[in-house]
Amino acid sequence: MTSPSDYDNYMIVTSMEAFLIKNYGSLTMAAGNLKVSPQTINNWLKRNPRGLLKHMPTMVQQCNVTETQIMGEVLYHEEYLQGIGQFKS
């Protein structure tokens, strides 16, 4: 049987984080290409996913994704954060 402490050393990759890594190769590369700091990326992932929407036109150009895909990732991530009690509206 596993306990919560068994999972302490595992990193949970969220859908939005996977989306950024898939399209940029890493979160650090995403920060560089979007001209934001790694801390900003971290804030999007942990507190305010809507902050990413400011960079939507750049992402559409750089990643060959649609605005709808980006908005879907942001909304899904908000629901995830609400579910774990981390979303700051």
C-alpha atoms as a PDB file:
ATOM      1  CA  MET A   1       0.000   0.000   0.000  1.00  0.00           C
ATOM      2  CA  THR A   2       1.256   3.481  -0.792  1.00  0.00           C
ATOM      3  CA  SER A   3       1.064   6.535   1.392  1.00  0.00           C
ATOM      4  CA  PRO A   4       1.140  10.227   0.397  1.00  0.00           C
ATOM      5  CA  SER A   5       4.784  10.419   1.429  1.00  0.00           C
ATOM      6  CA  ASP A   6       5.583   7.778  -1.213  1.00  0.00           C
ATOM      7  CA  TYR A   7       4.735  10.391  -3.826  1.00  0.00           C
ATOM      8  CA  ASP A   8       6.747  13.272  -2.368  1.00  0.00           C
ATOM      9  CA  ASN A   9       9.648  12.680  -4.749  1.00  0.00           C
ATOM     10  CA  TYR A  10       7.491  12.563  -7.877  1.00  0.00           C
ATOM     11  CA  MET A  11       6.738  15.609  -9.950  1.00  0.00           C
ATOM     12  CA  ILE A  12       3.199  15.998 -11.235  1.00  0.00           C
ATOM     13  CA  VAL A  13       3.153  17.374 -14.767  1.00  0.00           C
ATOM     14  CA  THR A  14      -0.065  19.216 -15.481  1.00  0.00           C
ATOM     15  CA  SER A  15      -1.760  19.412 -18.843  1.00  0.00           C
ATOM     16  CA  MET A  16      -0.748  23.053 -19.290  1.00  0.00           C
ATOM     17  CA  GLU A  17       2.842  22.291 -18.350  1.00  0.00           C
ATOM     18  CA  ALA A  18       2.891  19.410 -20.842  1.00  0.00           C
ATOM     19  CA  PHE A  19       1.413  21.741 -23.483  1.00  0.00           C
ATOM     20  CA  LEU A  20       4.250  24.255 -22.972  1.00  0.00           C
ATOM     21  CA  ILE A  21       6.926  21.554 -22.971  1.00  0.00           C
ATOM     22  CA  LYS A  22       5.479  19.929 -26.104  1.00  0.00           C
ATOM     23  CA  ASN A  23       5.473  23.234 -27.967  1.00  0.00           C
ATOM     24  CA  TYR A  24       8.720  24.748 -26.664  1.00  0.00           C
ATOM     25  CA  GLY A  25      10.850  21.808 -25.538  1.00  0.00           C
ATOM     26  CA  SER A  26      11.083  22.961 -21.916  1.00  0.00           C
ATOM     27  CA  LEU A  27       9.594  25.520 -19.563  1.00  0.00           C
ATOM     28  CA  THR A  28      12.852  27.495 -19.704  1.00  0.00           C
ATOM     29  CA  MET A  29      12.675  27.657 -23.491  1.00  0.00           C
ATOM     30  CA  ALA A  30       9.015  28.690 -23.263  1.00  0.00           C
ATOM     31  CA  ALA A  31       9.999  31.551 -20.955  1.00  0.00           C
ATOM     32  CA  GLY A  32      12.737  32.674 -23.332  1.00  0.00           C
ATOM     33  CA  ASN A  33      10.567  32.529 -26.440  1.00  0.00           C
ATOM     34  CA  LEU A  34       7.700  34.345 -24.734  1.00  0.00           C
ATOM     35  CA  LYS A  35      10.107  36.901 -23.216  1.00  0.00           C
ATOM     36  CA  VAL A  36       9.011  36.242 -19.638  1.00  0.00           C
ATOM     37  CA  SER A  37      10.904  34.953 -16.634  1.00  0.00           C
ATOM     38  CA  PRO A  38      10.793  31.327 -15.499  1.00  0.00           C
ATOM     39  CA  GLN A  39       9.039  32.649 -12.373  1.00  0.00           C
ATOM     40  CA  THR A  40       6.241  33.987 -14.576  1.00  0.00           C
ATOM     41  CA  ILE A  41       5.799  30.534 -16.108  1.00  0.00           C
ATOM     42  CA  ASN A  42       5.722  29.096 -12.583  1.00  0.00           C
ATOM     43  CA  ASN A  43       3.039  31.629 -11.571  1.00  0.00           C
ATOM     44  CA  TRP A  44       0.907  30.631 -14.575  1.00  0.00           C
ATOM     45  CA  LEU A  45       1.190  26.984 -13.573  1.00  0.00           C
ATOM     46  CA  LYS A  46       0.579  27.459  -9.849  1.00  0.00           C
ATOM     47  CA  ARG A  47      -1.692  30.489  -9.480  1.00  0.00           C
ATOM     48  CA  ASN A  48      -2.821  32.406 -12.549  1.00  0.00           C
ATOM     49  CA  PRO A  49      -3.108  30.458 -15.801  1.00  0.00           C
ATOM     50  CA  ARG A  50      -4.920  33.353 -17.481  1.00  0.00           C
ATOM     51  CA  GLY A  51      -1.666  35.308 -17.459  1.00  0.00           C
ATOM     52  CA  LEU A  52      -0.614  33.161 -20.405  1.00  0.00           C
ATOM     53  CA  LEU A  53      -3.424  34.623 -22.526  1.00  0.00           C
ATOM     54  CA  LYS A  54      -1.506  37.892 -22.914  1.00  0.00           C
ATOM     55  CA  HIS A  55       1.021  35.922 -24.967  1.00  0.00           C
ATOM     56  CA  MET A  56      -1.529  34.047 -27.052  1.00  0.00           C
ATOM     57  CA  PRO A  57      -0.747  35.839 -30.370  1.00  0.00           C
ATOM     58  CA  THR A  58       2.948  35.017 -29.980  1.00  0.00           C
ATOM     59  CA  MET A  59       2.183  31.386 -29.157  1.00  0.00           C
ATOM     60  CA  VAL A  60      -0.110  31.065 -32.186  1.00  0.00           C
ATOM     61  CA  GLN A  61       2.740  32.293 -34.406  1.00  0.00           C
ATOM     62  CA  GLN A  62       5.522  30.291 -32.774  1.00  0.00           C
ATOM     63  CA  CYS A  63       3.787  26.984 -32.087  1.00  0.00           C
ATOM     64  CA  ASN A  64       1.288  26.437 -34.870  1.00  0.00           C
ATOM     65  CA  VAL A  65      -1.570  26.172 -32.366  1.00  0.00           C
ATOM     66  CA  THR A  66      -4.933  27.902 -32.382  1.00  0.00           C
ATOM     67  CA  GLU A  67      -6.281  30.437 -29.925  1.00  0.00           C
ATOM     68  CA  THR A  68      -9.004  27.932 -29.075  1.00  0.00           C
ATOM     69  CA  GLN A  69      -6.418  25.311 -28.095  1.00  0.00           C
ATOM     70  CA  ILE A  70      -4.620  27.772 -25.820  1.00  0.00           C
ATOM     71  CA  MET A  71      -7.852  28.969 -24.196  1.00  0.00           C
ATOM     72  CA  GLY A  72      -8.875  25.349 -23.658  1.00  0.00           C
ATOM     73  CA  GLU A  73      -5.581  24.582 -21.896  1.00  0.00           C
ATOM     74  CA  VAL A  74      -5.959  27.650 -19.682  1.00  0.00           C
ATOM     75  CA  LEU A  75      -9.571  26.863 -18.735  1.00  0.00           C
ATOM     76  CA  TYR A  76      -8.764  23.208 -18.071  1.00  0.00           C
ATOM     77  CA  HIS A  77      -5.805  24.245 -15.905  1.00  0.00           C
ATOM     78  CA  GLU A  78      -7.986  26.668 -13.930  1.00  0.00           C
ATOM     79  CA  GLU A  79     -10.386  23.836 -13.160  1.00  0.00           C
ATOM     80  CA  TYR A  80      -7.452  21.676 -12.079  1.00  0.00           C
ATOM     81  CA  LEU A  81      -6.157  24.402  -9.743  1.00  0.00           C
ATOM     82  CA  GLN A  82      -9.634  24.944  -8.297  1.00  0.00           C
ATOM     83  CA  GLY A  83      -9.850  21.231  -7.612  1.00  0.00           C
ATOM     84  CA  ILE A  84      -6.638  21.245  -5.580  1.00  0.00           C
ATOM     85  CA  GLY A  85      -7.438  24.574  -3.897  1.00  0.00           C
ATOM     86  CA  GLN A  86      -4.642  26.598  -5.498  1.00  0.00           C
ATOM     87  CA  PHE A  87      -6.497  28.882  -7.912  1.00  0.00           C
ATOM     88  CA  LYS A  88      -6.290  32.577  -7.044  1.00  0.00           C
ATOM     89  CA  SER A  89      -9.090  34.489  -8.793  1.00  0.00           C
END
